[in-house]
Amino acid sequence: LLRLLERHCADEDGEKGLSIPMSRSDIANYLGLSLEAVTPASRRLERQGIVDFLGRHHARILNRQRFEALAAAV
């Protein structure tokens, strides 16, 4: 998601959001994870107010600082 944000999001806060061209299943395969790992992680990001998933292929970063901190910790 961070790579998509850096490449496609024009505004600093991610308010316009970004298009996600992959399904959660595709993301799991790409990352070498199970779908059972990706889905709860996505929900956790939403519950923590970091990302808002607006349908299957669109997300908005609500807290870019926390989002980038999580991405850097990986």
N, C-alpha and C. Protein backbone atom coordinates (compact mmCIF):
# COMPACT_ATOMS: atom_id res chain seq x y z
N LEU A 1 0.82 -1.20 0.00
CA LEU A 1 0.00 0.00 0.00
C LEU A 1 0.86 1.25 0.00
N LEU A 2 1.97 1.21 0.73
CA LEU A 2 2.84 2.38 0.78
C LEU A 2 3.41 2.70 -0.60
N ARG A 3 3.80 1.69 -1.32
CA ARG A 3 4.31 1.92 -2.69
C ARG A 3 3.24 2.52 -3.59
N LEU A 4 2.02 2.03 -3.46
CA LEU A 4 0.93 2.60 -4.25
C LEU A 4 0.70 4.05 -3.85
N LEU A 5 0.75 4.32 -2.57
CA LEU A 5 0.54 5.68 -2.09
C LEU A 5 1.61 6.61 -2.65
N GLU A 6 2.85 6.19 -2.58
CA GLU A 6 3.95 7.02 -3.07
C GLU A 6 3.85 7.26 -4.58
N ARG A 7 3.40 6.28 -5.32
CA ARG A 7 3.34 6.41 -6.78
C ARG A 7 2.10 7.11 -7.30
N HIS A 8 0.96 6.91 -6.63
CA HIS A 8 -0.30 7.34 -7.23
C HIS A 8 -1.06 8.42 -6.47
N CYS A 9 -0.71 8.69 -5.25
CA CYS A 9 -1.49 9.63 -4.46
C CYS A 9 -0.88 11.03 -4.58
N ALA A 10 -1.65 11.95 -5.09
CA ALA A 10 -1.15 13.30 -5.36
C ALA A 10 -1.07 14.17 -4.11
N ASP A 11 -1.92 13.93 -3.13
CA ASP A 11 -1.93 14.81 -1.96
C ASP A 11 -1.16 14.19 -0.81
N GLU A 12 -0.66 15.01 0.07
CA GLU A 12 0.21 14.61 1.17
C GLU A 12 -0.50 13.71 2.18
N ASP A 13 -1.77 13.90 2.43
CA ASP A 13 -2.47 13.16 3.48
C ASP A 13 -3.16 11.90 2.99
N GLY A 14 -3.18 11.65 1.70
CA GLY A 14 -3.86 10.47 1.19
C GLY A 14 -5.36 10.62 1.14
N GLU A 15 -5.85 11.86 1.23
CA GLU A 15 -7.29 12.08 1.27
C GLU A 15 -7.99 11.60 0.00
N LYS A 16 -7.33 11.73 -1.12
CA LYS A 16 -7.95 11.28 -2.37
C LYS A 16 -7.96 9.77 -2.48
N GLY A 17 -7.11 9.12 -1.71
CA GLY A 17 -7.06 7.67 -1.71
C GLY A 17 -6.24 7.12 -2.85
N LEU A 18 -6.28 5.81 -2.94
CA LEU A 18 -5.53 5.15 -3.99
C LEU A 18 -6.28 3.92 -4.46
N SER A 19 -6.05 3.62 -5.69
CA SER A 19 -6.65 2.45 -6.30
C SER A 19 -5.78 1.24 -6.02
N ILE A 20 -6.39 0.16 -5.60
CA ILE A 20 -5.67 -1.08 -5.34
C ILE A 20 -6.03 -2.06 -6.45
N PRO A 21 -5.10 -2.32 -7.36
CA PRO A 21 -5.43 -3.14 -8.53
C PRO A 21 -5.45 -4.64 -8.26
N MET A 22 -5.35 -5.05 -7.01
CA MET A 22 -5.30 -6.47 -6.66
C MET A 22 -6.38 -6.79 -5.63
N SER A 23 -6.84 -8.02 -5.65
CA SER A 23 -7.75 -8.48 -4.60
C SER A 23 -6.92 -8.84 -3.38
N ARG A 24 -7.57 -9.06 -2.26
CA ARG A 24 -6.84 -9.47 -1.05
C ARG A 24 -6.16 -10.81 -1.27
N SER A 25 -6.79 -11.67 -2.03
CA SER A 25 -6.18 -12.95 -2.36
C SER A 25 -4.90 -12.76 -3.19
N ASP A 26 -4.96 -11.85 -4.17
CA ASP A 26 -3.77 -11.54 -4.97
C ASP A 26 -2.66 -10.95 -4.11
N ILE A 27 -3.03 -10.08 -3.17
CA ILE A 27 -2.06 -9.46 -2.27
C ILE A 27 -1.40 -10.54 -1.42
N ALA A 28 -2.20 -11.46 -0.90
CA ALA A 28 -1.66 -12.56 -0.09
C ALA A 28 -0.66 -13.38 -0.90
N ASN A 29 -1.02 -13.73 -2.12
CA ASN A 29 -0.12 -14.50 -2.98
C ASN A 29 1.16 -13.73 -3.27
N TYR A 30 1.05 -12.46 -3.57
CA TYR A 30 2.20 -11.61 -3.88
C TYR A 30 3.16 -11.53 -2.70
N LEU A 31 2.61 -11.42 -1.49
CA LEU A 31 3.44 -11.29 -0.29
C LEU A 31 3.85 -12.63 0.31
N GLY A 32 3.33 -13.72 -0.25
CA GLY A 32 3.65 -15.03 0.29
C GLY A 32 2.95 -15.31 1.61
N LEU A 33 1.76 -14.72 1.78
CA LEU A 33 0.98 -14.88 3.00
C LEU A 33 -0.32 -15.60 2.67
N SER A 34 -1.01 -16.02 3.71
CA SER A 34 -2.33 -16.61 3.50
C SER A 34 -3.37 -15.50 3.49
N LEU A 35 -4.49 -15.76 2.85
CA LEU A 35 -5.60 -14.82 2.87
C LEU A 35 -6.07 -14.60 4.30
N GLU A 36 -5.95 -15.65 5.13
CA GLU A 36 -6.34 -15.55 6.53
C GLU A 36 -5.45 -14.59 7.31
N ALA A 37 -4.29 -14.25 6.79
CA ALA A 37 -3.41 -13.27 7.44
C ALA A 37 -3.68 -11.86 6.93
N VAL A 38 -4.00 -11.73 5.66
CA VAL A 38 -4.19 -10.42 5.04
C VAL A 38 -5.50 -9.77 5.49
N THR A 39 -6.56 -10.53 5.53
CA THR A 39 -7.87 -9.97 5.88
C THR A 39 -7.90 -9.38 7.29
N PRO A 40 -7.45 -10.09 8.32
CA PRO A 40 -7.45 -9.47 9.66
C PRO A 40 -6.51 -8.27 9.75
N ALA A 41 -5.40 -8.32 9.04
CA ALA A 41 -4.48 -7.18 9.06
C ALA A 41 -5.15 -5.94 8.47
N SER A 42 -5.91 -6.13 7.41
CA SER A 42 -6.64 -5.02 6.79
C SER A 42 -7.67 -4.46 7.76
N ARG A 43 -8.38 -5.34 8.40
CA ARG A 43 -9.40 -4.91 9.37
C ARG A 43 -8.77 -4.18 10.55
N ARG A 44 -7.60 -4.64 10.99
CA ARG A 44 -6.90 -4.00 12.09
C ARG A 44 -6.50 -2.57 11.73
N LEU A 45 -6.03 -2.37 10.50
CA LEU A 45 -5.68 -1.03 10.03
C LEU A 45 -6.90 -0.11 10.07
N GLU A 46 -8.06 -0.66 9.70
CA GLU A 46 -9.29 0.14 9.74
C GLU A 46 -9.69 0.47 11.18
N ARG A 47 -9.68 -0.52 12.05
CA ARG A 47 -10.07 -0.31 13.45
C ARG A 47 -9.17 0.71 14.15
N GLN A 48 -7.90 0.73 13.78
CA GLN A 48 -6.96 1.66 14.40
C GLN A 48 -7.03 3.05 13.78
N GLY A 49 -7.90 3.23 12.78
CA GLY A 49 -8.06 4.54 12.16
C GLY A 49 -6.90 4.96 11.29
N ILE A 50 -6.19 3.98 10.74
CA ILE A 50 -5.02 4.26 9.90
C ILE A 50 -5.41 4.27 8.43
N VAL A 51 -6.23 3.31 8.02
CA VAL A 51 -6.65 3.17 6.63
C VAL A 51 -8.15 2.96 6.59
N ASP A 52 -8.79 3.52 5.59
CA ASP A 52 -10.21 3.29 5.35
C ASP A 52 -10.33 2.61 4.00
N PHE A 53 -10.81 1.37 3.98
CA PHE A 53 -10.99 0.66 2.72
C PHE A 53 -12.38 1.00 2.19
N LEU A 54 -12.40 1.58 1.02
CA LEU A 54 -13.64 2.06 0.41
C LEU A 54 -14.03 1.11 -0.72
N GLY A 55 -14.38 -0.09 -0.37
CA GLY A 55 -14.66 -1.11 -1.36
C GLY A 55 -13.45 -2.01 -1.54
N ARG A 56 -13.53 -2.91 -2.49
CA ARG A 56 -12.47 -3.90 -2.68
C ARG A 56 -11.19 -3.35 -3.27
N HIS A 57 -11.30 -2.30 -4.05
CA HIS A 57 -10.13 -1.83 -4.80
C HIS A 57 -9.81 -0.36 -4.57
N HIS A 58 -10.19 0.16 -3.41
CA HIS A 58 -9.90 1.56 -3.15
C HIS A 58 -9.69 1.74 -1.64
N ALA A 59 -8.66 2.51 -1.29
CA ALA A 59 -8.37 2.78 0.12
C ALA A 59 -7.96 4.23 0.28
N ARG A 60 -8.17 4.73 1.48
CA ARG A 60 -7.74 6.08 1.82
C ARG A 60 -6.91 6.00 3.09
N ILE A 61 -5.76 6.61 3.07
CA ILE A 61 -4.90 6.64 4.25
C ILE A 61 -5.41 7.76 5.15
N LEU A 62 -5.82 7.41 6.35
CA LEU A 62 -6.36 8.38 7.30
C LEU A 62 -5.28 8.98 8.18
N ASN A 63 -4.27 8.20 8.48
CA ASN A 63 -3.19 8.67 9.35
C ASN A 63 -1.87 8.26 8.69
N ARG A 64 -1.37 9.14 7.85
CA ARG A 64 -0.18 8.80 7.07
C ARG A 64 1.04 8.59 7.95
N GLN A 65 1.19 9.36 9.01
CA GLN A 65 2.35 9.22 9.89
C GLN A 65 2.38 7.83 10.53
N ARG A 66 1.28 7.37 11.06
CA ARG A 66 1.21 6.02 11.66
C ARG A 66 1.37 4.95 10.60
N PHE A 67 0.78 5.19 9.43
CA PHE A 67 0.90 4.23 8.34
C PHE A 67 2.36 4.04 7.93
N GLU A 68 3.07 5.14 7.76
CA GLU A 68 4.48 5.07 7.37
C GLU A 68 5.33 4.46 8.48
N ALA A 69 4.99 4.73 9.73
CA ALA A 69 5.73 4.14 10.84
C ALA A 69 5.57 2.63 10.86
N LEU A 70 4.36 2.15 10.62
CA LEU A 70 4.13 0.70 10.54
C LEU A 70 4.89 0.09 9.38
N ALA A 71 4.86 0.74 8.24
CA ALA A 71 5.56 0.22 7.05
C ALA A 71 7.06 0.16 7.28
N ALA A 72 7.60 1.15 8.00
CA ALA A 72 9.04 1.19 8.27
C ALA A 72 9.45 0.11 9.26
N ALA A 73 8.53 -0.30 10.11
CA ALA A 73 8.83 -1.30 11.15
C ALA A 73 8.90 -2.72 10.58
N VAL A 74 8.44 -2.91 9.38
CA VAL A 74 8.40 -4.25 8.77
C VAL A 74 9.72 -4.62 8.18
